[in-house]
Amino acid sequence: MRRTFNAAAALAATFCLSSVSAQTITKCGPGSPCPSDTPCCSQYGQCGVGAYCLGGCDPANSYDLLSCMAAPICKSSDYKLTSLHDVQSNTAYLGDASGYNWVASGTPVVYNDEALLLTMAPDTVGTLLMGTHYVWYGKISATMTTSQGQGVVTAFIMMSDVKDEIDFEFVGVDLESAQSNYYWQGVTDCKCIAILTMGISKLGSRANRSM
């Protein structure tokens, strides 16, 4: 896949995203690739340029396999998410993974100088924190605190650009189990689900869950 990026296209992301409501957005998906003028198919099935060509860009449904910008491969590391120094907003990120390991949509905030809190403001779908590097293989583990709010789902997701996915979902009121699913290229109608028993410890109104 292409490992260079058109800076002009990247800079266009700021203007493109601010005026998107006034334009007709071309949809993309299986059998409906993006046109050459908006070549990149985003993870949400919309064609565009700039930010659309970054993380989550689906090469299978873009104009061609070289439309999306390839991310660098990760190195073994232990990330301490205790500040926002290593996190950049998705509206500002232009593909330079050497500066940030994480891209955020929504509003992450520092919690007691010991963790990041992924907030869920009214009338929003919450906050997403996404890595800027590809994981080809290996072991991934995380210690996280999940919401106990009814109807709120906390998720830990490993997903490729073509929507191969392994996820763990924690339903707010269920503190003793998690749902794990796996999918292939976005096909979600398979019976690929398992209910997992989790080790927990309640801290006030929250629950720590280790994976």
C-alpha atoms as a PDB file:
ATOM      1  CA  MET A   1       0.000   0.000   0.000  1.00  0.00           C
ATOM      2  CA  ARG A   2       1.076   3.616  -0.537  1.00  0.00           C
ATOM      3  CA  ARG A   3       3.300   5.032   2.226  1.00  0.00           C
ATOM      4  CA  THR A   4       3.404   8.638   1.007  1.00  0.00           C
ATOM      5  CA  PHE A   5       0.642  11.187   1.444  1.00  0.00           C
ATOM      6  CA  ASN A   6      -0.463  14.230  -0.464  1.00  0.00           C
ATOM      7  CA  ALA A   7      -0.058  17.131   1.973  1.00  0.00           C
ATOM      8  CA  ALA A   8      -2.563  19.248   0.069  1.00  0.00           C
ATOM      9  CA  ALA A   9      -5.179  16.528   0.408  1.00  0.00           C
ATOM     10  CA  ALA A  10      -4.466  16.250   4.108  1.00  0.00           C
ATOM     11  CA  LEU A  11      -4.817  19.977   4.663  1.00  0.00           C
ATOM     12  CA  ALA A  12      -8.091  19.872   2.771  1.00  0.00           C
ATOM     13  CA  ALA A  13      -9.529  17.716   5.542  1.00  0.00           C
ATOM     14  CA  THR A  14     -10.098  20.725   7.804  1.00  0.00           C
ATOM     15  CA  PHE A  15     -12.159  22.508   5.184  1.00  0.00           C
ATOM     16  CA  CYS A  16     -13.847  19.353   3.910  1.00  0.00           C
ATOM     17  CA  LEU A  17     -15.125  18.318   7.322  1.00  0.00           C
ATOM     18  CA  SER A  18     -16.385  21.813   8.148  1.00  0.00           C
ATOM     19  CA  SER A  19     -18.495  22.053   5.012  1.00  0.00           C
ATOM     20  CA  VAL A  20     -19.622  18.472   4.659  1.00  0.00           C
ATOM     21  CA  SER A  21     -23.205  19.198   5.688  1.00  0.00           C
ATOM     22  CA  ALA A  22     -23.653  21.434   2.659  1.00  0.00           C
ATOM     23  CA  GLN A  23     -22.495  18.790   0.201  1.00  0.00           C
ATOM     24  CA  THR A  24     -23.785  15.482  -1.049  1.00  0.00           C
ATOM     25  CA  ILE A  25     -21.656  12.731   0.488  1.00  0.00           C
ATOM     26  CA  THR A  26     -20.935   9.768  -1.760  1.00  0.00           C
ATOM     27  CA  LYS A  27     -21.432   6.439  -0.002  1.00  0.00           C
ATOM     28  CA  CYS A  28     -19.099   3.470  -0.443  1.00  0.00           C
ATOM     29  CA  GLY A  29     -19.251  -0.219   0.310  1.00  0.00           C
ATOM     30  CA  PRO A  30     -19.129  -3.651  -1.319  1.00  0.00           C
ATOM     31  CA  GLY A  31     -19.738  -3.196  -5.038  1.00  0.00           C
ATOM     32  CA  SER A  32     -19.754   0.620  -4.720  1.00  0.00           C
ATOM     33  CA  PRO A  33     -16.163   1.923  -4.634  1.00  0.00           C
ATOM     34  CA  CYS A  34     -15.364   5.620  -4.310  1.00  0.00           C
ATOM     35  CA  PRO A  35     -14.876   7.787  -7.442  1.00  0.00           C
ATOM     36  CA  SER A  36     -11.464   9.195  -8.360  1.00  0.00           C
ATOM     37  CA  ASP A  37     -12.222  12.742  -7.107  1.00  0.00           C
ATOM     38  CA  THR A  38     -13.086  11.485  -3.584  1.00  0.00           C
ATOM     39  CA  PRO A  39     -11.074   8.259  -3.594  1.00  0.00           C
ATOM     40  CA  CYS A  40     -10.976   7.257   0.081  1.00  0.00           C
ATOM     41  CA  CYS A  41     -13.713   5.170   1.736  1.00  0.00           C
ATOM     42  CA  SER A  42     -13.887   6.004   5.452  1.00  0.00           C
ATOM     43  CA  GLN A  43     -14.717   3.515   8.202  1.00  0.00           C
ATOM     44  CA  TYR A  44     -18.227   4.987   8.159  1.00  0.00           C
ATOM     45  CA  GLY A  45     -18.819   4.218   4.461  1.00  0.00           C
ATOM     46  CA  GLN A  46     -18.355   7.754   3.107  1.00  0.00           C
ATOM     47  CA  CYS A  47     -16.049   8.862   0.274  1.00  0.00           C
ATOM     48  CA  GLY A  48     -13.714  11.806   0.676  1.00  0.00           C
ATOM     49  CA  VAL A  49     -10.152  13.126   0.741  1.00  0.00           C
ATOM     50  CA  GLY A  50      -7.762  14.247   3.460  1.00  0.00           C
ATOM     51  CA  ALA A  51      -8.795  12.758   6.810  1.00  0.00           C
ATOM     52  CA  TYR A  52     -10.863  10.130   4.989  1.00  0.00           C
ATOM     53  CA  CYS A  53      -7.589   8.623   3.726  1.00  0.00           C
ATOM     54  CA  LEU A  54      -6.118   8.152   7.217  1.00  0.00           C
ATOM     55  CA  GLY A  55      -6.846   5.580   9.945  1.00  0.00           C
ATOM     56  CA  GLY A  56      -9.891   3.456   9.192  1.00  0.00           C
ATOM     57  CA  CYS A  57      -9.772   4.125   5.452  1.00  0.00           C
ATOM     58  CA  ASP A  58     -11.039   0.965   3.722  1.00  0.00           C
ATOM     59  CA  PRO A  59      -8.829   0.085   0.724  1.00  0.00           C
ATOM     60  CA  ALA A  60     -11.245  -2.610  -0.484  1.00  0.00           C
ATOM     61  CA  ASN A  61     -13.976  -0.043  -1.147  1.00  0.00           C
ATOM     62  CA  SER A  62     -11.833   2.974  -2.036  1.00  0.00           C
ATOM     63  CA  TYR A  63     -11.064   4.022  -5.611  1.00  0.00           C
ATOM     64  CA  ASP A  64      -8.099   1.636  -5.675  1.00  0.00           C
ATOM     65  CA  LEU A  65      -5.883  -0.235  -3.215  1.00  0.00           C
ATOM     66  CA  LEU A  66      -3.408   2.676  -3.118  1.00  0.00           C
ATOM     67  CA  SER A  67      -5.948   5.347  -2.139  1.00  0.00           C
ATOM     68  CA  CYS A  68      -5.594   4.935   1.629  1.00  0.00           C
ATOM     69  CA  MET A  69      -2.524   6.024   3.535  1.00  0.00           C
ATOM     70  CA  ALA A  70      -0.809   3.041   5.152  1.00  0.00           C
ATOM     71  CA  ALA A  71       0.058   3.380   8.834  1.00  0.00           C
ATOM     72  CA  PRO A  72       3.463   2.348  10.207  1.00  0.00           C
ATOM     73  CA  ILE A  73       3.832  -0.938  12.093  1.00  0.00           C
ATOM     74  CA  CYS A  74       3.775  -0.746  15.875  1.00  0.00           C
ATOM     75  CA  LYS A  75       6.643  -1.772  18.136  1.00  0.00           C
ATOM     76  CA  SER A  76       6.287  -3.651  21.412  1.00  0.00           C
ATOM     77  CA  SER A  77       5.524  -1.136  24.134  1.00  0.00           C
ATOM     78  CA  ASP A  78       3.638  -0.466  27.367  1.00  0.00           C
ATOM     79  CA  TYR A  79       1.507   2.658  27.077  1.00  0.00           C
ATOM     80  CA  LYS A  80       0.661   4.608  30.234  1.00  0.00           C
ATOM     81  CA  LEU A  81      -2.368   6.678  29.279  1.00  0.00           C
ATOM     82  CA  THR A  82      -2.080   9.254  32.047  1.00  0.00           C
ATOM     83  CA  SER A  83      -1.988  12.452  29.961  1.00  0.00           C
ATOM     84  CA  LEU A  84      -2.987  13.825  26.561  1.00  0.00           C
ATOM     85  CA  HIS A  85       0.586  14.429  25.403  1.00  0.00           C
ATOM     86  CA  ASP A  86       0.469  11.345  23.160  1.00  0.00           C
ATOM     87  CA  VAL A  87      -3.099  11.969  21.915  1.00  0.00           C
ATOM     88  CA  GLN A  88      -4.200  14.211  19.045  1.00  0.00           C
ATOM     89  CA  SER A  89      -7.709  15.116  17.934  1.00  0.00           C
ATOM     90  CA  ASN A  90      -8.896  13.439  14.740  1.00  0.00           C
ATOM     91  CA  THR A  91      -9.705  16.900  13.350  1.00  0.00           C
ATOM     92  CA  ALA A  92      -6.018  17.888  13.629  1.00  0.00           C
ATOM     93  CA  TYR A  93      -4.254  14.605  12.856  1.00  0.00           C
ATOM     94  CA  LEU A  94      -2.726  14.581   9.350  1.00  0.00           C
ATOM     95  CA  GLY A  95      -1.057  11.176   9.340  1.00  0.00           C
ATOM     96  CA  ASP A  96       2.257  11.786  11.105  1.00  0.00           C
ATOM     97  CA  ALA A  97       2.316   8.774  13.446  1.00  0.00           C
ATOM     98  CA  SER A  98       5.789   9.690  14.715  1.00  0.00           C
ATOM     99  CA  GLY A  99       4.252  12.495  16.787  1.00  0.00           C
ATOM    100  CA  TYR A 100       1.277  10.683  18.323  1.00  0.00           C
ATOM    101  CA  ASN A 101       0.384   7.087  19.147  1.00  0.00           C
ATOM    102  CA  TRP A 102      -3.314   7.834  19.590  1.00  0.00           C
ATOM    103  CA  VAL A 103      -6.030   9.769  17.785  1.00  0.00           C
ATOM    104  CA  ALA A 104      -9.222  10.759  19.588  1.00  0.00           C
ATOM    105  CA  SER A 105     -12.698  11.669  18.446  1.00  0.00           C
ATOM    106  CA  GLY A 106     -14.945  13.107  21.117  1.00  0.00           C
ATOM    107  CA  THR A 107     -13.540  14.517  24.356  1.00  0.00           C
ATOM    108  CA  PRO A 108     -10.958  12.533  26.356  1.00  0.00           C
ATOM    109  CA  VAL A 109      -9.883  14.135  29.642  1.00  0.00           C
ATOM    110  CA  VAL A 110      -7.203  13.356  32.212  1.00  0.00           C
ATOM    111  CA  TYR A 111      -8.634  11.650  35.300  1.00  0.00           C
ATOM    112  CA  ASN A 112      -6.763  12.195  38.596  1.00  0.00           C
ATOM    113  CA  ASP A 113      -3.443  12.267  36.676  1.00  0.00           C
ATOM    114  CA  GLU A 114      -3.596   8.476  36.497  1.00  0.00           C
ATOM    115  CA  ALA A 115      -5.831   7.615  33.531  1.00  0.00           C
ATOM    116  CA  LEU A 116      -7.753   8.988  30.572  1.00  0.00           C
ATOM    117  CA  LEU A 117     -11.502   9.314  30.880  1.00  0.00           C
ATOM    118  CA  LEU A 118     -13.403   8.781  27.626  1.00  0.00           C
ATOM    119  CA  THR A 119     -16.374  11.044  28.179  1.00  0.00           C
ATOM    120  CA  MET A 120     -19.888  10.736  26.811  1.00  0.00           C
ATOM    121  CA  ALA A 121     -21.373  14.206  26.590  1.00  0.00           C
ATOM    122  CA  PRO A 122     -25.133  14.672  26.062  1.00  0.00           C
ATOM    123  CA  ASP A 123     -26.297  14.088  22.476  1.00  0.00           C
ATOM    124  CA  THR A 124     -23.052  12.345  21.503  1.00  0.00           C
ATOM    125  CA  VAL A 125     -22.038   8.718  20.946  1.00  0.00           C
ATOM    126  CA  GLY A 126     -19.088   9.090  23.311  1.00  0.00           C
ATOM    127  CA  THR A 127     -15.328   9.186  22.779  1.00  0.00           C
ATOM    128  CA  LEU A 128     -13.172   6.944  20.588  1.00  0.00           C
ATOM    129  CA  LEU A 129      -9.432   6.454  21.113  1.00  0.00           C
ATOM    130  CA  MET A 130      -7.662   4.822  18.158  1.00  0.00           C
ATOM    131  CA  GLY A 131      -4.030   3.773  17.655  1.00  0.00           C
ATOM    132  CA  THR A 132      -1.992   5.309  14.823  1.00  0.00           C
ATOM    133  CA  HIS A 133       0.039   2.154  14.103  1.00  0.00           C
ATOM    134  CA  TYR A 134      -0.825  -1.200  12.543  1.00  0.00           C
ATOM    135  CA  VAL A 135      -0.652  -4.363  14.663  1.00  0.00           C
ATOM    136  CA  TRP A 136       0.208  -7.323  12.428  1.00  0.00           C
ATOM    137  CA  TYR A 137       0.307  -9.936  15.163  1.00  0.00           C
ATOM    138  CA  GLY A 138       1.129 -10.343  18.842  1.00  0.00           C
ATOM    139  CA  LYS A 139      -0.444 -10.091  22.284  1.00  0.00           C
ATOM    140  CA  ILE A 140      -2.533  -7.099  23.301  1.00  0.00           C
ATOM    141  CA  SER A 141      -3.745  -6.504  26.847  1.00  0.00           C
ATOM    142  CA  ALA A 142      -5.350  -3.590  28.654  1.00  0.00           C
ATOM    143  CA  THR A 143      -6.543  -2.603  32.094  1.00  0.00           C
ATOM    144  CA  MET A 144      -9.606  -0.419  31.824  1.00  0.00           C
ATOM    145  CA  THR A 145     -12.464   0.928  33.888  1.00  0.00           C
ATOM    146  CA  THR A 146     -15.875   0.544  32.299  1.00  0.00           C
ATOM    147  CA  SER A 147     -19.056   2.530  32.684  1.00  0.00           C
ATOM    148  CA  GLN A 148     -21.868   1.272  34.896  1.00  0.00           C
ATOM    149  CA  GLY A 149     -24.417   3.484  33.175  1.00  0.00           C
ATOM    150  CA  GLN A 150     -27.522   1.704  31.912  1.00  0.00           C
ATOM    151  CA  GLY A 151     -27.489   1.580  28.127  1.00  0.00           C
ATOM    152  CA  VAL A 152     -23.803   2.579  27.911  1.00  0.00           C
ATOM    153  CA  VAL A 153     -21.422   0.127  26.223  1.00  0.00           C
ATOM    154  CA  THR A 154     -17.664   0.315  26.755  1.00  0.00           C
ATOM    155  CA  ALA A 155     -15.737  -1.470  23.998  1.00  0.00           C
ATOM    156  CA  PHE A 156     -12.185  -2.610  23.303  1.00  0.00           C
ATOM    157  CA  ILE A 157     -11.893  -3.285  19.572  1.00  0.00           C
ATOM    158  CA  MET A 158      -9.166  -4.593  17.289  1.00  0.00           C
ATOM    159  CA  MET A 159     -10.137  -3.856  13.693  1.00  0.00           C
ATOM    160  CA  SER A 160      -8.330  -3.859  10.367  1.00  0.00           C
ATOM    161  CA  ASP A 161      -8.959  -1.317   7.613  1.00  0.00           C
ATOM    162  CA  VAL A 162     -11.095  -3.885   5.759  1.00  0.00           C
ATOM    163  CA  LYS A 163     -13.142  -4.478   8.937  1.00  0.00           C
ATOM    164  CA  ASP A 164     -11.700  -7.766  10.153  1.00  0.00           C
ATOM    165  CA  GLU A 165     -12.613  -7.391  13.811  1.00  0.00           C
ATOM    166  CA  ILE A 166     -12.209  -8.885  17.268  1.00  0.00           C
ATOM    167  CA  ASP A 167     -14.012  -6.974  19.995  1.00  0.00           C
ATOM    168  CA  PHE A 168     -14.866  -7.044  23.672  1.00  0.00           C
ATOM    169  CA  GLU A 169     -17.995  -5.177  24.737  1.00  0.00           C
ATOM    170  CA  PHE A 170     -18.964  -4.352  28.313  1.00  0.00           C
ATOM    171  CA  VAL A 171     -22.637  -3.531  28.861  1.00  0.00           C
ATOM    172  CA  GLY A 172     -22.886  -0.982  31.656  1.00  0.00           C
ATOM    173  CA  VAL A 173     -25.150  -2.806  34.107  1.00  0.00           C
ATOM    174  CA  ASP A 174     -23.550  -6.235  33.632  1.00  0.00           C
ATOM    175  CA  LEU A 175     -20.432  -6.169  35.809  1.00  0.00           C
ATOM    176  CA  GLU A 176     -19.638  -9.869  35.699  1.00  0.00           C
ATOM    177  CA  SER A 177     -19.379 -10.651  31.990  1.00  0.00           C
ATOM    178  CA  ALA A 178     -18.344  -9.275  28.627  1.00  0.00           C
ATOM    179  CA  GLN A 179     -19.440 -10.054  25.092  1.00  0.00           C
ATOM    180  CA  SER A 180     -16.735 -10.951  22.589  1.00  0.00           C
ATOM    181  CA  ASN A 181     -17.344 -11.052  18.833  1.00  0.00           C
ATOM    182  CA  TYR A 182     -15.253 -11.610  15.741  1.00  0.00           C
ATOM    183  CA  TYR A 183     -16.115 -10.671  12.169  1.00  0.00           C
ATOM    184  CA  TRP A 184     -14.517 -10.888   8.747  1.00  0.00           C
ATOM    185  CA  GLN A 185     -14.596  -7.941   6.330  1.00  0.00           C
ATOM    186  CA  GLY A 186     -17.576  -6.347   8.005  1.00  0.00           C
ATOM    187  CA  VAL A 187     -19.939  -9.329   7.754  1.00  0.00           C
ATOM    188  CA  THR A 188     -21.757  -9.183  11.105  1.00  0.00           C
ATOM    189  CA  ASP A 189     -24.501 -11.773  10.638  1.00  0.00           C
ATOM    190  CA  CYS A 190     -22.411 -14.737  11.771  1.00  0.00           C
ATOM    191  CA  LYS A 191     -22.857 -16.463  15.136  1.00  0.00           C
ATOM    192  CA  CYS A 192     -19.387 -15.467  16.264  1.00  0.00           C
ATOM    193  CA  ILE A 193     -20.057 -14.412  19.843  1.00  0.00           C
ATOM    194  CA  ALA A 194     -18.936 -15.581  23.269  1.00  0.00           C
ATOM    195  CA  ILE A 195     -19.941 -14.502  26.771  1.00  0.00           C
ATOM    196  CA  LEU A 196     -16.867 -14.154  28.977  1.00  0.00           C
ATOM    197  CA  THR A 197     -16.700 -14.087  32.773  1.00  0.00           C
ATOM    198  CA  MET A 198     -14.632 -11.131  33.957  1.00  0.00           C
ATOM    199  CA  GLY A 199     -12.585 -10.423  37.049  1.00  0.00           C
ATOM    200  CA  ILE A 200     -13.829  -7.157  38.573  1.00  0.00           C
ATOM    201  CA  SER A 201     -13.353  -4.894  41.566  1.00  0.00           C
ATOM    202  CA  LYS A 202     -15.826  -2.139  42.288  1.00  0.00           C
ATOM    203  CA  LEU A 203     -14.441   1.324  42.998  1.00  0.00           C
ATOM    204  CA  GLY A 204     -17.221   3.716  43.901  1.00  0.00           C
ATOM    205  CA  SER A 205     -19.475   3.839  40.843  1.00  0.00           C
ATOM    206  CA  ARG A 206     -17.000   2.138  38.520  1.00  0.00           C
ATOM    207  CA  ALA A 207     -15.578  -1.302  37.897  1.00  0.00           C
ATOM    208  CA  ASN A 208     -12.018  -2.221  36.935  1.00  0.00           C
ATOM    209  CA  ARG A 209     -11.737  -4.933  34.313  1.00  0.00           C
ATOM    210  CA  SER A 210      -8.486  -6.514  33.179  1.00  0.00           C
ATOM    211  CA  MET A 211      -8.044  -8.321  29.879  1.00  0.00           C
END
